[in-house]
Amino acid sequence: MKILISNGRVVDPASGRDESADIAIAAGRIVAVGRVSSDFTPDRRIDASGLVVAPGLVDLAARLGEPGHEHEGLLESEMAAAVAGGITSLVCLPDTDPVLDEPGLVEMLKFRARNLHLARLFPLGALTRRLEGEVLTEMAELTEAGCVGYSQAEVPCKDTLVLHRALQYASTFGYTVWLRPNDAWLGNGVAAKGPLATRMGLSGVPSIAETIALATIFELVRDTGARVHLCRLSSAAGIDLVRKAKAEGLPVSCDVSINSLHLTDVDIGYFDAAMRVTPPLRQQRDRAAIRAALADGTIAALVSDHTPVGEDAKHLPFAEAEPGATGLELLLSLALKWGADEGLPLTRTLATVTAAPVGAIGDALGSLSASAGRIVEGGVADLVLFDADAYWKVEPRALQSQSKHTPFAGYELPGRVRCTLVAGNVAYEAGA
């Protein structure tokens, strides 16, 4: 299908483009940006007057329910939520049931996602079998099956020798290892350690749980040269360590969740289980450091950390409730809110959810590497059209995700998605 998007404000963070322009699409590719040939005869015209036309969002952290957690989320509902939020590519974690440690499981998941014709799915393979931290998976076979990296998800690798060997192997073949820095022994609480957790009688996770894990990871990176992506940083102290490691030239990148970017432990209020997330919400100084680090590029990407949770698992006392929140449909709006709060240009704000996440994945995207997260002639036509000035109220029951739990319920947020295109096909249209 040929599509002409006209009169939109085209914003491409990768090139710095921010101008009024038309975009012509044919056979799933962008054939022209700006001056469109008079010979181009579209099958459909989309009037983008008053809308921003940006690269489709890339989310580096999403759980989709399947396989094994269909009572919390179905692949169809969560992928529909992704495109409703303007997300055209997302990375899913390997802590499914069964764990993504076999090529057949990865191929099945990608096949099912592809047949939905919604967002693109890029799985992370398990770093160790069953995420037990003892035996390495067959990374070469998992890569052939479609994995873009290797992760332990939320399960720390307690055996440093195993982690060292994993990084050696990954370095040899150019794979990226995705790790959430959290010490296995210190990181088992339900809230951030501090005065509030003490007053509420909640077990605390100290910031040193993150910094100790980071120190270990950086030493292993120095020794092996492996590329590591650090997932969902949460503390000011951890960010300081990352800043020093990047200044040293270590091959590391990192992301932060929308929850840590906007919320603090004070938001827990009277044991609100909607605020039970991982990593736990920390203090205001940590949030301030996160916001500054995302703005200056120390933290590359903003992620939804979408984790659907069932009704029964969430409606429990805070310490017993399952951690997690829906976030796919909130990623764009919460990025825009942060950008407005910090006084950033739209190109810089959108970079954290488009070009920068693609950089974290790297060449594992294959043929998409050159154009994903970008608007470029000849590149893939993954686009989102949104009204940056339109505000909408977060009403959980109106969300596409099967899981309705979000700490942002009731928030008035900017940025209403009007249309999402994946490979030149309209995957979502408001009101359709």
Protein backbone atom coordinates (compact mmCIF):
# COMPACT_ATOMS: atom_id res chain seq x y z
CA MET A 1 0.00 0.00 0.00
CA LYS A 2 1.12 3.53 -0.79
CA ILE A 3 0.47 6.13 1.91
CA LEU A 4 1.06 9.87 1.91
CA ILE A 5 1.33 11.59 5.28
CA SER A 6 0.95 15.30 4.73
CA ASN A 7 1.18 18.53 6.73
CA GLY A 8 2.80 16.92 9.79
CA ARG A 9 5.62 18.18 11.98
CA VAL A 10 8.31 15.60 11.21
CA VAL A 11 10.66 15.07 14.15
CA ASP A 12 13.61 12.69 13.74
CA PRO A 13 15.95 12.76 16.76
CA ALA A 14 18.68 10.79 14.96
CA SER A 15 19.19 13.51 12.34
CA GLY A 16 17.93 16.48 14.33
CA ARG A 17 15.15 17.06 11.79
CA ASP A 18 12.23 19.10 13.12
CA GLU A 19 10.21 20.65 10.31
CA SER A 20 6.93 20.58 8.49
CA ALA A 21 7.18 17.93 5.77
CA ASP A 22 5.29 15.26 3.88
CA ILE A 23 6.25 11.58 3.98
CA ALA A 24 5.59 9.12 1.16
CA ILE A 25 5.48 5.41 1.94
CA ALA A 26 5.45 2.44 -0.43
CA ALA A 27 6.03 -1.28 0.11
CA GLY A 28 6.65 -0.72 3.80
CA ARG A 29 9.47 1.78 3.21
CA ILE A 30 9.78 5.55 3.31
CA VAL A 31 10.38 6.66 -0.26
CA ALA A 32 10.43 10.41 0.27
CA VAL A 33 10.58 12.95 3.10
CA GLY A 34 9.87 16.58 2.28
CA ARG A 35 9.41 17.02 -1.45
CA VAL A 36 7.21 14.21 -2.73
CA SER A 37 7.17 13.56 -6.45
CA SER A 38 3.99 14.50 -8.29
CA ASP A 39 4.09 11.02 -9.81
CA PHE A 40 3.47 9.45 -6.38
CA THR A 41 -0.15 8.26 -6.30
CA PRO A 42 -1.08 7.11 -2.78
CA ASP A 43 -3.76 4.58 -1.96
CA ARG A 44 -4.41 6.49 1.22
CA ARG A 45 -3.75 10.02 2.42
CA ILE A 46 -3.30 10.83 6.11
CA ASP A 47 -3.66 14.49 7.05
CA ALA A 48 -1.25 15.07 9.95
CA SER A 49 -2.09 18.74 10.49
CA GLY A 50 -1.37 19.64 14.10
CA LEU A 51 0.37 16.30 14.70
CA VAL A 52 3.95 15.26 15.30
CA VAL A 53 5.21 12.53 12.97
CA ALA A 54 8.03 10.67 14.72
CA PRO A 55 9.84 7.34 14.46
CA GLY A 56 7.95 4.51 16.08
CA LEU A 57 8.93 4.10 19.72
CA VAL A 58 11.37 1.38 20.75
CA ASP A 59 10.80 -0.11 24.23
CA LEU A 60 13.66 -2.10 25.75
CA ALA A 61 11.76 -3.70 28.64
CA ALA A 62 8.35 -5.35 28.34
CA ARG A 63 6.78 -8.53 29.58
CA LEU A 64 3.88 -9.80 27.50
CA GLY A 65 2.34 -12.54 29.60
CA GLU A 66 3.04 -15.38 27.18
CA PRO A 67 4.10 -18.06 27.50
CA GLY A 68 3.00 -19.15 30.94
CA HIS A 69 1.33 -16.04 32.35
CA GLU A 70 -1.72 -15.77 30.13
CA HIS A 71 -3.89 -14.90 33.14
CA GLU A 72 -1.87 -11.67 33.42
CA GLY A 73 -1.52 -10.78 29.77
CA LEU A 74 -2.06 -12.23 26.33
CA LEU A 75 0.34 -11.57 23.49
CA GLU A 76 -2.50 -10.09 21.44
CA SER A 77 -3.66 -7.66 24.13
CA GLU A 78 -0.17 -6.50 25.08
CA MET A 79 0.97 -6.01 21.49
CA ALA A 80 -2.22 -4.05 20.85
CA ALA A 81 -1.35 -1.92 23.88
CA ALA A 82 2.11 -1.34 22.41
CA VAL A 83 0.88 0.10 19.11
CA ALA A 84 -1.80 2.10 20.93
CA GLY A 85 1.10 3.73 22.75
CA GLY A 86 3.05 4.40 19.57
CA ILE A 87 5.52 1.56 20.19
CA THR A 88 6.54 -0.24 17.01
CA SER A 89 9.41 -2.34 18.39
CA LEU A 90 9.81 -3.88 21.81
CA VAL A 91 12.23 -6.13 23.61
CA CYS A 92 10.75 -8.83 25.85
CA LEU A 93 12.48 -10.41 28.82
CA PRO A 94 13.22 -14.14 29.09
CA ASP A 95 11.53 -14.83 32.45
CA THR A 96 8.51 -16.50 30.89
CA ASP A 97 7.24 -19.97 31.80
CA PRO A 98 8.97 -21.88 30.37
CA VAL A 99 12.01 -19.63 30.31
CA LEU A 100 13.28 -18.50 26.88
CA ASP A 101 16.33 -20.74 26.94
CA GLU A 102 15.51 -22.94 23.91
CA PRO A 103 15.49 -21.86 20.24
CA GLY A 104 12.09 -23.46 19.65
CA LEU A 105 10.44 -21.29 22.30
CA VAL A 106 11.96 -18.13 20.83
CA GLU A 107 10.88 -19.07 17.30
CA MET A 108 7.35 -19.83 18.47
CA LEU A 109 7.05 -16.49 20.26
CA LYS A 110 8.35 -14.53 17.28
CA PHE A 111 6.07 -16.45 14.92
CA ARG A 112 2.99 -15.68 17.01
CA ALA A 113 3.93 -12.02 17.31
CA ARG A 114 4.62 -11.71 13.59
CA ASN A 115 1.19 -13.15 12.72
CA LEU A 116 -0.54 -10.48 14.80
CA HIS A 117 0.77 -7.78 12.42
CA LEU A 118 1.21 -5.33 15.27
CA ALA A 119 4.55 -4.32 16.81
CA ARG A 120 7.89 -5.97 16.12
CA LEU A 121 9.08 -8.29 18.88
CA PHE A 122 12.74 -8.80 19.81
CA PRO A 123 13.23 -11.41 22.56
CA LEU A 124 16.09 -11.56 25.02
CA GLY A 125 17.34 -15.08 25.56
CA ALA A 126 18.10 -16.46 29.01
CA LEU A 127 21.76 -16.10 29.94
CA THR A 128 21.68 -19.34 31.93
CA ARG A 129 19.41 -22.37 31.69
CA ARG A 130 16.11 -21.81 33.48
CA LEU A 131 17.71 -18.58 34.83
CA GLU A 132 19.27 -20.69 37.57
CA GLY A 133 22.69 -19.08 37.19
CA GLU A 134 24.56 -22.36 36.81
CA VAL A 135 24.85 -23.48 33.16
CA LEU A 136 25.15 -21.15 30.18
CA THR A 137 22.56 -21.37 27.42
CA GLU A 138 23.43 -22.07 23.79
CA MET A 139 23.70 -18.41 22.85
CA ALA A 140 24.68 -19.06 19.24
CA GLU A 141 21.55 -21.12 18.62
CA LEU A 142 19.35 -18.60 20.42
CA THR A 143 20.82 -15.81 18.31
CA GLU A 144 19.92 -17.70 15.14
CA ALA A 145 16.40 -18.09 16.53
CA GLY A 146 16.10 -14.32 16.89
CA CYS A 147 17.41 -13.24 20.30
CA VAL A 148 18.99 -9.77 20.40
CA GLY A 149 20.80 -10.24 23.71
CA TYR A 150 20.99 -12.31 26.88
CA SER A 151 19.61 -11.59 30.31
CA GLN A 152 18.89 -12.97 33.74
CA ALA A 153 15.80 -10.73 33.97
CA GLU A 154 15.25 -10.11 37.70
CA VAL A 155 17.24 -13.16 38.82
CA PRO A 156 20.77 -12.19 39.90
CA CYS A 157 23.59 -14.49 38.85
CA LYS A 158 25.01 -15.36 42.25
CA ASP A 159 28.04 -17.25 40.94
CA THR A 160 30.57 -14.68 39.73
CA LEU A 161 32.51 -17.37 37.90
CA VAL A 162 29.45 -18.24 35.80
CA LEU A 163 28.85 -14.56 35.03
CA HIS A 164 32.51 -14.13 34.09
CA ARG A 165 32.33 -17.04 31.68
CA ALA A 166 29.10 -15.72 30.21
CA LEU A 167 30.70 -12.35 29.51
CA GLN A 168 33.78 -14.01 28.03
CA TYR A 169 31.59 -16.01 25.66
CA ALA A 170 29.44 -12.99 24.78
CA SER A 171 32.53 -10.90 24.10
CA THR A 172 33.95 -13.52 21.76
CA PHE A 173 30.85 -13.51 19.54
CA GLY A 174 29.81 -9.88 19.93
CA TYR A 175 26.65 -10.51 21.94
CA THR A 176 25.27 -7.97 24.41
CA VAL A 177 24.48 -9.08 27.97
CA TRP A 178 21.59 -7.27 29.64
CA LEU A 179 21.86 -7.14 33.42
CA ARG A 180 19.83 -5.45 36.12
CA PRO A 181 22.37 -4.57 38.81
CA ASN A 182 20.99 -5.97 42.04
CA ASP A 183 22.96 -7.89 44.62
CA ALA A 184 21.42 -11.31 45.30
CA TRP A 185 21.68 -10.99 49.06
CA LEU A 186 20.96 -7.30 49.64
CA GLY A 187 18.24 -6.81 47.05
CA ASN A 188 15.39 -8.87 48.43
CA GLY A 189 13.29 -6.15 50.09
CA VAL A 190 9.99 -4.69 48.93
CA ALA A 191 10.74 -0.95 49.24
CA ALA A 192 13.77 1.30 49.05
CA LYS A 193 15.68 1.42 52.29
CA GLY A 194 15.09 4.72 54.06
CA PRO A 195 13.02 6.51 56.69
CA LEU A 196 9.72 5.78 54.96
CA ALA A 197 10.32 2.03 54.70
CA THR A 198 11.38 1.97 58.35
CA ARG A 199 8.25 3.82 59.50
CA MET A 200 6.02 1.52 57.45
CA GLY A 201 7.75 -1.65 58.59
CA LEU A 202 8.70 -2.66 55.04
CA SER A 203 11.87 -4.59 54.26
CA GLY A 204 14.28 -2.25 52.52
CA VAL A 205 16.57 -2.54 49.51
CA PRO A 206 19.63 -0.33 50.09
CA SER A 207 21.25 1.54 47.21
CA ILE A 208 24.41 -0.49 47.80
CA ALA A 209 22.52 -3.50 46.41
CA GLU A 210 22.81 -1.68 43.07
CA THR A 211 26.31 -0.22 43.48
CA ILE A 212 27.91 -3.49 44.65
CA ALA A 213 26.44 -5.29 41.64
CA LEU A 214 27.61 -2.49 39.33
CA ALA A 215 31.14 -2.61 40.72
CA THR A 216 31.29 -6.35 40.05
CA ILE A 217 29.90 -5.96 36.53
CA PHE A 218 32.39 -3.23 35.66
CA GLU A 219 35.34 -5.30 36.84
CA LEU A 220 34.16 -8.20 34.69
CA VAL A 221 33.67 -5.88 31.71
CA ARG A 222 37.21 -4.56 32.14
CA ASP A 223 38.53 -8.09 32.08
CA THR A 224 36.41 -9.49 29.24
CA GLY A 225 35.61 -6.49 27.06
CA ALA A 226 31.99 -7.67 26.85
CA ARG A 227 29.27 -5.20 25.98
CA VAL A 228 26.72 -4.86 28.80
CA HIS A 229 23.41 -3.05 28.87
CA LEU A 230 22.39 -2.10 32.41
CA CYS A 231 18.66 -2.33 32.96
CA ARG A 232 16.47 -0.02 35.02
CA LEU A 233 18.93 1.90 37.17
CA SER A 234 17.35 3.34 40.29
CA SER A 235 19.89 5.16 42.49
CA ALA A 236 21.97 8.32 42.38
CA ALA A 237 24.99 6.36 43.59
CA GLY A 238 24.57 3.84 40.78
CA ILE A 239 24.37 6.60 38.20
CA ASP A 240 27.62 8.09 39.48
CA LEU A 241 29.34 4.75 38.94
CA VAL A 242 27.91 4.44 35.44
CA ARG A 243 29.04 7.95 34.56
CA LYS A 244 32.60 7.10 35.63
CA ALA A 245 32.55 3.80 33.74
CA LYS A 246 31.42 5.50 30.54
CA ALA A 247 34.07 8.19 30.95
CA GLU A 248 36.61 5.39 31.25
CA GLY A 249 35.40 4.03 27.93
CA LEU A 250 33.79 0.81 29.11
CA PRO A 251 31.29 -0.60 26.58
CA VAL A 252 28.18 -0.10 28.73
CA SER A 253 24.79 1.50 28.17
CA CYS A 254 21.81 1.78 30.48
CA ASP A 255 18.12 2.56 30.77
CA VAL A 256 15.62 3.67 33.41
CA SER A 257 11.93 2.95 33.86
CA ILE A 258 9.09 5.45 33.66
CA ASN A 259 8.31 4.57 37.28
CA SER A 260 11.69 5.61 38.66
CA LEU A 261 11.73 8.71 36.44
CA HIS A 262 8.52 10.14 37.89
CA LEU A 263 7.80 8.56 41.26
CA THR A 264 9.44 8.29 44.70
CA ASP A 265 8.90 6.15 47.77
CA VAL A 266 6.59 8.82 49.19
CA ASP A 267 4.08 7.86 46.50
CA ILE A 268 3.55 4.53 48.25
CA GLY A 269 1.24 6.48 50.57
CA TYR A 270 -0.88 4.15 52.67
CA PHE A 271 0.59 0.91 51.32
CA ASP A 272 -0.68 1.43 47.77
CA ALA A 273 0.11 -1.87 46.00
CA ALA A 274 0.02 -0.09 42.62
CA MET A 275 3.37 1.42 43.68
CA ARG A 276 4.87 -2.04 44.26
CA VAL A 277 7.35 -2.17 41.37
CA THR A 278 10.84 -3.46 40.69
CA PRO A 279 13.26 -1.80 41.23
CA PRO A 280 11.56 -0.17 44.22
CA LEU A 281 10.79 3.55 44.15
CA ARG A 282 13.62 5.48 45.78
CA GLN A 283 14.03 8.90 47.36
CA GLN A 284 13.73 12.33 45.71
CA ARG A 285 17.50 12.74 45.35
CA ASP A 286 17.60 9.52 43.36
CA ARG A 287 14.78 10.66 41.11
CA ALA A 288 16.50 14.00 40.55
CA ALA A 289 19.75 12.23 39.60
CA ILE A 290 17.87 9.93 37.20
CA ARG A 291 16.12 12.82 35.48
CA ALA A 292 19.40 14.71 35.06
CA ALA A 293 21.27 11.63 33.80
CA LEU A 294 18.59 10.91 31.20
CA ALA A 295 18.78 14.51 30.05
CA ASP A 296 22.58 14.54 29.69
CA GLY A 297 22.74 11.13 28.00
CA THR A 298 24.39 9.16 30.80
CA ILE A 299 21.22 7.08 30.77
CA ALA A 300 20.47 6.33 27.13
CA ALA A 301 16.91 5.07 27.10
CA LEU A 302 13.58 5.35 28.86
CA VAL A 303 11.59 2.10 29.12
CA SER A 304 8.05 1.20 30.08
CA ASP A 305 9.09 -1.78 32.23
CA HIS A 306 5.67 -3.12 31.31
CA THR A 307 4.85 -6.01 33.64
CA PRO A 308 1.22 -7.13 33.58
CA VAL A 309 -0.06 -8.42 36.92
CA GLY A 310 -3.27 -10.32 37.61
CA GLU A 311 -6.03 -8.97 39.81
CA ASP A 312 -5.57 -11.48 42.60
CA ALA A 313 -1.80 -11.00 42.75
CA LYS A 314 -2.10 -7.21 43.05
CA HIS A 315 -4.98 -6.96 45.49
CA LEU A 316 -2.89 -8.04 48.47
CA PRO A 317 -1.06 -6.22 51.27
CA PHE A 318 1.83 -4.18 49.86
CA ALA A 319 4.62 -6.55 50.90
CA GLU A 320 2.76 -9.56 49.50
CA ALA A 321 1.54 -8.02 46.25
CA GLU A 322 3.26 -9.02 43.02
CA PRO A 323 5.49 -6.23 41.72
CA GLY A 324 4.72 -4.78 38.32
CA ALA A 325 2.66 -2.25 36.41
CA THR A 326 1.31 -1.70 32.93
CA GLY A 327 3.30 0.88 31.01
CA LEU A 328 3.22 0.40 27.24
CA GLU A 329 0.51 2.97 26.64
CA LEU A 330 2.15 5.47 29.01
CA LEU A 331 5.72 5.50 27.68
CA LEU A 332 5.32 8.31 25.16
CA SER A 333 3.25 10.55 27.41
CA LEU A 334 5.54 10.14 30.40
CA ALA A 335 8.55 10.88 28.20
CA LEU A 336 6.84 14.07 27.00
CA LYS A 337 5.97 15.05 30.57
CA TRP A 338 9.60 14.61 31.66
CA GLY A 339 10.85 16.56 28.64
CA ALA A 340 8.47 19.43 29.36
CA ASP A 341 9.46 19.45 33.04
CA GLU A 342 13.14 19.66 32.08
CA GLY A 343 12.60 22.22 29.32
CA LEU A 344 14.09 19.96 26.66
CA PRO A 345 13.53 20.21 22.91
CA LEU A 346 11.22 17.60 21.45
CA THR A 347 14.08 15.99 19.50
CA ARG A 348 16.00 15.33 22.72
CA THR A 349 12.94 13.99 24.51
CA LEU A 350 11.99 11.61 21.73
CA ALA A 351 15.58 10.39 21.35
CA THR A 352 15.24 8.51 24.66
CA VAL A 353 12.44 6.34 23.23
CA THR A 354 13.56 6.06 19.58
CA ALA A 355 17.16 6.36 18.39
CA ALA A 356 18.89 5.80 21.75
CA PRO A 357 17.17 2.45 22.49
CA VAL A 358 18.09 1.22 19.01
CA GLY A 359 21.71 2.03 19.81
CA ALA A 360 21.50 -0.16 22.90
CA ILE A 361 20.37 -3.15 20.82
CA GLY A 362 22.99 -2.55 18.14
CA ASP A 363 23.58 -4.75 15.13
CA ALA A 364 21.36 -7.52 16.52
CA LEU A 365 18.45 -5.85 14.69
CA GLY A 366 19.95 -7.04 11.41
CA SER A 367 18.54 -5.29 8.37
CA LEU A 368 16.56 -2.91 10.61
CA SER A 369 19.69 -1.57 12.33
CA ALA A 370 20.23 1.22 9.80
CA SER A 371 16.74 2.71 9.97
CA ALA A 372 14.91 1.57 13.13
CA GLY A 373 14.13 4.51 15.40
CA ARG A 374 14.76 6.92 12.52
CA ILE A 375 12.93 8.64 9.68
CA VAL A 376 15.13 8.17 6.63
CA GLU A 377 14.43 7.70 2.95
CA GLY A 378 14.71 4.03 2.09
CA GLY A 379 14.24 3.08 5.72
CA VAL A 380 11.49 1.07 7.34
CA ALA A 381 8.19 2.94 7.71
CA ASP A 382 7.66 2.51 11.46
CA LEU A 383 6.02 5.77 12.53
CA VAL A 384 3.84 7.29 15.21
CA LEU A 385 1.57 10.29 14.74
CA PHE A 386 0.57 12.05 17.95
CA ASP A 387 -0.88 15.29 19.21
CA ALA A 388 1.73 16.66 21.60
CA ASP A 389 -0.67 19.28 22.98
CA ALA A 390 -3.61 16.97 23.67
CA TYR A 391 -3.94 15.79 27.25
CA TRP A 392 -5.62 12.58 28.32
CA LYS A 393 -6.54 11.12 31.69
CA VAL A 394 -5.12 7.73 32.61
CA GLU A 395 -8.15 5.56 33.26
CA PRO A 396 -6.97 1.99 33.85
CA ARG A 397 -10.13 0.36 32.51
CA ALA A 398 -9.71 2.16 29.20
CA LEU A 399 -6.21 0.77 28.60
CA GLN A 400 -5.69 -1.86 25.92
CA SER A 401 -3.46 -4.00 28.13
CA GLN A 402 -5.11 -6.95 29.84
CA SER A 403 -3.52 -5.73 33.08
CA LYS A 404 -5.01 -2.49 34.39
CA HIS A 405 -2.67 -1.77 37.27
CA THR A 406 -0.67 1.45 36.98
CA PRO A 407 0.75 3.86 39.55
CA PHE A 408 -0.25 6.71 37.21
CA ALA A 409 -4.02 6.17 37.41
CA GLY A 410 -5.78 9.52 37.35
CA TYR A 411 -2.81 11.44 35.92
CA GLU A 412 -3.45 14.01 33.18
CA LEU A 413 -0.71 13.39 30.60
CA PRO A 414 0.31 15.07 27.34
CA GLY A 415 0.58 13.32 24.00
CA ARG A 416 -2.36 11.45 22.50
CA VAL A 417 -1.42 8.88 19.87
CA ARG A 418 -3.55 9.23 16.73
CA CYS A 419 -1.97 6.65 14.44
CA THR A 420 0.80 4.05 14.49
CA LEU A 421 2.31 2.53 11.37
CA VAL A 422 4.44 -0.62 11.34
CA ALA A 423 6.17 -1.46 8.05
CA GLY A 424 3.87 0.99 6.30
CA ASN A 425 0.68 -0.63 7.60
CA VAL A 426 -1.68 1.14 9.98
CA ALA A 427 -1.44 -0.95 13.14
CA TYR A 428 -3.41 1.47 15.31
CA GLU A 429 -5.72 4.41 14.63
CA ALA A 430 -7.52 6.34 17.32
CA GLY A 431 -11.26 5.88 17.06
CA ALA A 432 -10.91 3.08 14.53
